[in-house]
């Protein structure tokens, strides 16, 4: 019994263990094995409604004596049985990474115990209809099984709350990761040893050049021993609580800029390195030569420009002269000049450098 309880909590951290855990619960409590496991054919094959119905419906009618016994049984045990089965069903659903498998399992439960089970008497409780359906299937829980249900239900309750909390934390983490992937600056989170914990998409792109900056295992390294040492020192200082900056020289390109800073929960900003043995850091990597193309539609929406005016603004932001921009757009220089004047008026700028700076400030950080 204690081993099964341990397995319930282990399944919270490893949801793929839930089907086996539920199977062990079923062997302890009793009833037919197919009640506790839908089997791989249901999870992984195409839905087949006729197959779901095979063996699902009883072939006998409950007598008046049976109905009286059912009423007494349901009145005493319905809350325990419904609560227990709900927890078991949630547990199995959590184990299915494939949404289609979840739908198949959920549909099987709904088709069996909800559809076609309309009450003949409006006062009959759903739990009684559920228990009646189980009785017709020969799935009545005996007192030994009910005893184990009572013992396991509090642990399943607690496991369900933990599982929902972890699922919420995972969802929030994935949302944050998705937001950071939209940045044009690389973000690398490191632990107290300098090992990478996580990186965003731009960091992966920038650190893919072994001639400048890359990863050796889970640690950042430069193109030579000297630059690697500088990177390690930058990260170690940040983890210890001291922000820093490092420029990594490149051949025929502007240097990469690394900014490292401590990463601590709110309210721990003043904790010293001696007090905080679990310090973390974050490294921001900026590549001035790597720029994302701003879409014409984005510029239009931001400054209420026409399509041609937005094209002109983008050309100026890229450092192209007015004549080059006019030639690229296939218009006369006078037309491009007129469009530029309209852009100045709508953006509140007065010359090309100011316009370029405005566009870069507005769109430099998000892809």
Foldseek 3Di string as FASTA:
>chain_A
DVVLLVLLLVCLVVLLCLLVSQQVLCVQQDDDSCVSDVDPCLQPHDDDVVVLCVLQFFDDDQDPVSVVVLVVCCVVCLVLVVLLVVLSLVSNLSSDPDPVSSVSSVVSVCVRQPPPQDDPDPPDDSSSSNQVSCVSSVNDGDPSSSVVSVVCSVSSVVSVVSSVVVVVVVVVVVVVLVQQLQWCKKKFKAKLQQFTPDIHPNVQVVQPDLQAWHDDHRHIAGVDPVRRVVRNVQQNCQQQADWDKDWTDDPPAGTKIKTKHKDDDPPCNPPGSVRDVIIMMMIIIDGPVDADQDDLVNQCVVQVADSLLSLLLSCLLVVHDLCVSCVVVVHDSVVSVVSPVVVCVRVVHDDSVVSNVVVCVVPVTGD
